[in-house]
Amino acid sequence: MIIRFVLTLILFLIPFHVKAELDIDISEPMLEISTGFNGDTLTLFGTSKQKGDIIIIVKGPQKDTTVRRKTDVIGLWINARSVTFSDIPQYYNVASSRSIFDITDTQTRLDNRIGINSLVFETLDNVSNERHDRFQEALIQNMQLAHLYSLTPDAVEYINDSLFKTRIHMPSNVPVGDYEIEAFLFKNGKMIDRQSRPFHVRQVGLTASIHDFALSQPLLYGVIIIIIAILSSLVAILLLRRE
């Protein structure tokens, strides 16, 4: 990883001619999660042929997500209403060279889904606008509480007139799957260029084996978990009796 990091930095520092106004690369194109993973911080480098405003978005993987509203019924909290949104990024982080509200106008942010306030999720069923907005707001709040959606944008820093970098934090509960890194170059509020590249989060070692077994044999996996829980309870009871 360190060797790739150094080579990437050297590559960006060497002048070269490209057609694109913007180019990006990441220190770790694949993040490997093993037992004891406590999160990681990725370094993303980029170059721009002309110095401007940079916005970087890291998002993924996408999956259908259901938001449920609980209601108190005779002292019991039960699921009342729910809304299922389709193809929701399970992680969304933004980094920018300055406030995204100062970089470009509202319509451009909406068209390119730049920023939390510009996200519009589609539902699987037809719901009213009021219900859609209320449940989408709850979904985003849940993601932010889980540290999967950024509360405030990270900073993009220019190292010189063409080279910039930012750091993206991946929490310990980061979802496994395929991600996309998008970089935007703006000048005087206008988009000059836009580039993207894939990024992957994979489980390795024992964690990966358990994950694959749970997906391939869900019933057996559930039975084993129940047995382990029962045995753990029995061991705890025996230890308490000895004391």
Protein backbone atom coordinates (compact mmCIF):
# COMPACT_ATOMS: atom_id res chain seq x y z
CA MET A 1 0.00 0.00 0.00
CA ILE A 2 2.84 2.41 0.93
CA ILE A 3 4.65 1.69 -2.35
CA ARG A 4 1.50 2.40 -4.36
CA PHE A 5 0.94 5.59 -2.37
CA VAL A 6 4.46 6.87 -3.16
CA LEU A 7 4.26 5.91 -6.83
CA THR A 8 0.89 7.63 -7.15
CA LEU A 9 2.27 10.82 -5.62
CA ILE A 10 5.31 10.75 -7.93
CA LEU A 11 3.08 10.15 -10.95
CA PHE A 12 0.98 13.18 -10.19
CA LEU A 13 4.01 15.39 -9.56
CA ILE A 14 5.52 14.60 -12.98
CA PRO A 15 4.12 16.89 -15.70
CA PHE A 16 2.30 15.09 -18.47
CA HIS A 17 -0.27 15.87 -21.13
CA VAL A 18 -3.77 14.45 -20.93
CA LYS A 19 -6.98 15.35 -22.67
CA ALA A 20 -9.00 15.40 -19.45
CA GLU A 21 -9.02 18.52 -17.31
CA LEU A 22 -9.28 16.34 -14.20
CA ASP A 23 -7.78 13.07 -13.03
CA ILE A 24 -8.02 11.17 -9.71
CA ASP A 25 -6.45 8.16 -8.01
CA ILE A 26 -6.79 6.55 -4.59
CA SER A 27 -4.23 5.10 -2.19
CA GLU A 28 -6.17 1.84 -1.78
CA PRO A 29 -8.36 0.80 -4.75
CA MET A 30 -9.63 -2.06 -2.58
CA LEU A 31 -10.30 -1.86 1.15
CA GLU A 32 -9.97 -5.26 2.82
CA ILE A 33 -11.95 -5.88 6.00
CA SER A 34 -10.79 -8.56 8.38
CA THR A 35 -11.50 -9.48 12.01
CA GLY A 36 -10.84 -6.51 14.28
CA PHE A 37 -11.35 -3.88 11.56
CA ASN A 38 -11.87 -0.50 13.28
CA GLY A 39 -12.26 1.70 10.23
CA ASP A 40 -9.73 3.25 7.88
CA THR A 41 -8.87 6.57 6.26
CA LEU A 42 -8.23 6.61 2.52
CA THR A 43 -6.14 9.24 0.76
CA LEU A 44 -7.36 10.39 -2.63
CA PHE A 45 -5.11 12.36 -4.96
CA GLY A 46 -6.02 14.25 -8.08
CA THR A 47 -4.74 16.72 -10.64
CA SER A 48 -6.49 19.50 -12.51
CA LYS A 49 -5.05 21.27 -15.55
CA GLN A 50 -6.50 24.51 -14.25
CA LYS A 51 -6.96 25.37 -10.60
CA GLY A 52 -10.61 25.52 -9.66
CA ASP A 53 -13.13 24.25 -7.14
CA ILE A 54 -13.05 20.51 -6.47
CA ILE A 55 -15.90 18.34 -5.20
CA ILE A 56 -15.41 14.63 -4.51
CA ILE A 57 -18.20 12.17 -3.74
CA VAL A 58 -17.71 8.59 -2.52
CA LYS A 59 -20.87 6.49 -2.61
CA GLY A 60 -22.11 2.90 -2.67
CA PRO A 61 -23.05 0.10 -2.58
CA GLN A 62 -26.67 0.45 -3.66
CA LYS A 63 -29.54 -1.62 -2.29
CA ASP A 64 -33.25 -1.32 -1.53
CA THR A 65 -33.77 0.11 1.95
CA THR A 66 -36.90 0.11 4.08
CA VAL A 67 -37.64 2.78 6.67
CA ARG A 68 -40.20 1.87 9.35
CA ARG A 69 -42.09 4.12 11.71
CA LYS A 70 -42.86 2.68 15.14
CA THR A 71 -46.06 3.44 17.04
CA ASP A 72 -46.84 3.01 20.74
CA VAL A 73 -49.76 0.57 21.08
CA ILE A 74 -50.75 -0.18 24.67
CA GLY A 75 -47.18 0.30 25.83
CA LEU A 76 -45.68 -1.76 23.01
CA TRP A 77 -43.70 -0.24 20.18
CA ILE A 78 -44.70 -1.89 16.92
CA ASN A 79 -43.97 -1.15 13.27
CA ALA A 80 -46.79 0.91 11.81
CA ARG A 81 -45.99 2.46 8.44
CA SER A 82 -43.01 1.83 6.21
CA VAL A 83 -41.56 3.08 2.94
CA THR A 84 -39.06 1.17 0.80
CA PHE A 85 -36.60 3.20 -1.26
CA SER A 86 -34.84 1.66 -4.25
CA ASP A 87 -31.09 1.63 -5.01
CA ILE A 88 -30.01 3.63 -1.98
CA PRO A 89 -26.26 4.17 -1.49
CA GLN A 90 -25.36 2.61 1.84
CA TYR A 91 -22.46 5.05 2.17
CA TYR A 92 -22.25 8.67 1.03
CA ASN A 93 -19.41 11.08 1.73
CA VAL A 94 -18.60 14.48 0.27
CA ALA A 95 -15.33 16.41 0.21
CA SER A 96 -14.86 19.86 -1.31
CA SER A 97 -12.30 22.63 -1.63
CA ARG A 98 -14.84 25.05 -0.14
CA SER A 99 -18.55 25.04 0.68
CA ILE A 100 -20.51 23.29 -2.07
CA PHE A 101 -23.13 26.04 -1.76
CA ASP A 102 -20.50 28.57 -2.85
CA ILE A 103 -19.11 26.41 -5.65
CA THR A 104 -22.19 26.00 -7.84
CA ASP A 105 -25.91 26.68 -8.01
CA THR A 106 -28.76 24.62 -6.58
CA GLN A 107 -29.92 23.15 -9.90
CA THR A 108 -26.44 21.86 -10.76
CA ARG A 109 -26.16 20.24 -7.34
CA LEU A 110 -29.57 18.61 -7.78
CA ASP A 111 -28.78 17.37 -11.29
CA ASN A 112 -25.54 15.75 -10.11
CA ARG A 113 -26.70 14.77 -6.61
CA ILE A 114 -23.98 16.77 -4.95
CA GLY A 115 -24.55 17.00 -1.20
CA ILE A 116 -27.03 15.45 1.21
CA ASN A 117 -29.64 18.12 0.47
CA SER A 118 -29.51 17.25 -3.24
CA LEU A 119 -30.33 13.55 -2.83
CA VAL A 120 -33.74 12.44 -4.07
CA PHE A 121 -34.57 8.76 -3.52
CA GLU A 122 -37.13 6.81 -5.53
CA THR A 123 -39.68 4.60 -3.76
CA LEU A 124 -40.85 1.16 -4.86
CA ASP A 125 -44.48 2.10 -4.18
CA ASN A 126 -46.42 5.25 -4.91
CA VAL A 127 -46.53 7.48 -1.83
CA SER A 128 -47.48 11.08 -1.25
CA ASN A 129 -44.82 13.75 -1.49
CA GLU A 130 -45.24 14.56 2.19
CA ARG A 131 -44.75 10.94 3.22
CA HIS A 132 -41.83 10.51 0.82
CA ASP A 133 -39.99 13.54 2.18
CA ARG A 134 -40.64 12.58 5.81
CA PHE A 135 -39.35 9.02 5.40
CA GLN A 136 -36.38 10.09 3.25
CA GLU A 137 -35.37 12.54 5.95
CA ALA A 138 -35.59 9.73 8.52
CA LEU A 139 -33.48 7.47 6.28
CA ILE A 140 -30.74 10.07 5.93
CA GLN A 141 -30.77 10.75 9.68
CA ASN A 142 -30.41 7.01 10.37
CA MET A 143 -27.46 6.82 7.97
CA GLN A 144 -25.81 9.84 9.60
CA LEU A 145 -26.26 8.37 13.08
CA ALA A 146 -24.55 5.20 11.80
CA HIS A 147 -21.67 7.38 10.46
CA LEU A 148 -22.40 6.19 6.91
CA TYR A 149 -23.51 9.58 5.57
CA SER A 150 -21.27 12.59 6.18
CA LEU A 151 -22.65 15.33 8.41
CA THR A 152 -20.28 17.96 7.01
CA PRO A 153 -18.06 17.80 3.91
CA ASP A 154 -14.41 16.84 4.31
CA ALA A 155 -11.78 19.24 3.02
CA VAL A 156 -10.03 19.05 -0.35
CA GLU A 157 -6.61 20.70 -0.20
CA TYR A 158 -4.46 21.90 -3.06
CA ILE A 159 -0.80 20.89 -2.61
CA ASN A 160 0.24 23.07 -5.55
CA ASP A 161 -1.51 24.70 -8.52
CA SER A 162 -2.53 21.35 -10.01
CA LEU A 163 -2.24 18.63 -7.35
CA PHE A 164 -4.92 18.21 -4.69
CA LYS A 165 -5.74 15.62 -2.06
CA THR A 166 -8.39 14.68 0.48
CA ARG A 167 -8.91 12.03 3.12
CA ILE A 168 -12.03 9.88 3.23
CA HIS A 169 -12.94 8.10 6.46
CA MET A 170 -14.46 4.62 6.19
CA PRO A 171 -16.09 3.61 9.52
CA SER A 172 -15.86 0.17 11.09
CA ASN A 173 -19.39 -0.65 9.89
CA VAL A 174 -18.73 0.34 6.26
CA PRO A 175 -20.82 -1.91 3.96
CA VAL A 176 -19.11 -4.47 1.77
CA GLY A 177 -19.57 -3.96 -1.96
CA ASP A 178 -18.78 -1.80 -4.97
CA TYR A 179 -18.37 1.95 -4.64
CA GLU A 180 -17.94 4.86 -7.03
CA ILE A 181 -15.67 7.86 -6.56
CA GLU A 182 -16.79 10.95 -8.47
CA ALA A 183 -14.69 14.08 -8.85
CA PHE A 184 -15.98 17.40 -10.19
CA LEU A 185 -13.99 20.43 -11.33
CA PHE A 186 -15.79 23.78 -11.27
CA LYS A 187 -14.64 27.19 -12.42
CA ASN A 188 -16.71 30.29 -11.67
CA GLY A 189 -19.70 28.08 -10.86
CA LYS A 190 -19.54 26.12 -14.14
CA MET A 191 -18.62 22.44 -14.36
CA ILE A 192 -15.40 22.05 -16.34
CA ASP A 193 -14.88 18.31 -16.04
CA ARG A 194 -16.14 15.23 -14.22
CA GLN A 195 -14.32 11.95 -13.65
CA SER A 196 -15.15 8.74 -11.79
CA ARG A 197 -13.41 5.54 -10.82
CA PRO A 198 -14.48 2.35 -9.01
CA PHE A 199 -13.60 1.45 -5.46
CA HIS A 200 -14.25 -1.83 -3.65
CA VAL A 201 -14.72 -2.97 -0.06
CA ARG A 202 -14.20 -6.68 0.49
CA GLN A 203 -14.11 -8.99 3.48
CA VAL A 204 -11.10 -11.29 3.87
CA GLY A 205 -10.00 -14.04 6.23
CA LEU A 206 -12.34 -15.51 8.84
CA THR A 207 -14.77 -12.60 8.52
CA ALA A 208 -15.22 -13.33 4.82
CA SER A 209 -15.75 -17.05 5.46
CA ILE A 210 -18.45 -16.36 8.05
CA HIS A 211 -20.11 -13.80 5.77
CA ASP A 212 -20.17 -16.21 2.80
CA PHE A 213 -21.49 -19.05 4.98
CA ALA A 214 -24.28 -16.84 6.34
CA LEU A 215 -25.36 -15.94 2.80
CA SER A 216 -25.14 -19.45 1.36
CA GLN A 217 -26.64 -21.30 4.38
CA PRO A 218 -28.83 -18.77 6.22
CA LEU A 219 -30.97 -21.36 8.04
CA LEU A 220 -27.99 -23.38 9.29
CA TYR A 221 -26.17 -20.20 10.23
CA GLY A 222 -29.17 -19.06 12.29
CA VAL A 223 -29.35 -22.42 14.09
CA ILE A 224 -25.64 -22.29 14.92
CA ILE A 225 -25.97 -18.75 16.30
CA ILE A 226 -28.87 -19.85 18.52
CA ILE A 227 -26.90 -22.85 19.80
CA ILE A 228 -23.89 -20.66 20.56
CA ALA A 229 -26.11 -18.20 22.43
CA ILE A 230 -27.66 -21.00 24.51
CA LEU A 231 -24.26 -22.53 25.33
CA SER A 232 -22.91 -19.12 26.30
CA SER A 233 -25.85 -18.58 28.65
CA LEU A 234 -25.34 -22.02 30.26
CA VAL A 235 -21.64 -21.36 30.79
CA ALA A 236 -22.42 -18.00 32.39
CA ILE A 237 -24.98 -19.61 34.73
CA LEU A 238 -22.49 -22.30 35.78
CA LEU A 239 -19.80 -19.72 36.49
CA LEU A 240 -22.21 -17.67 38.60
CA ARG A 241 -23.22 -20.75 40.63
CA ARG A 242 -19.57 -21.58 41.36
CA GLU A 243 -19.04 -18.08 42.72
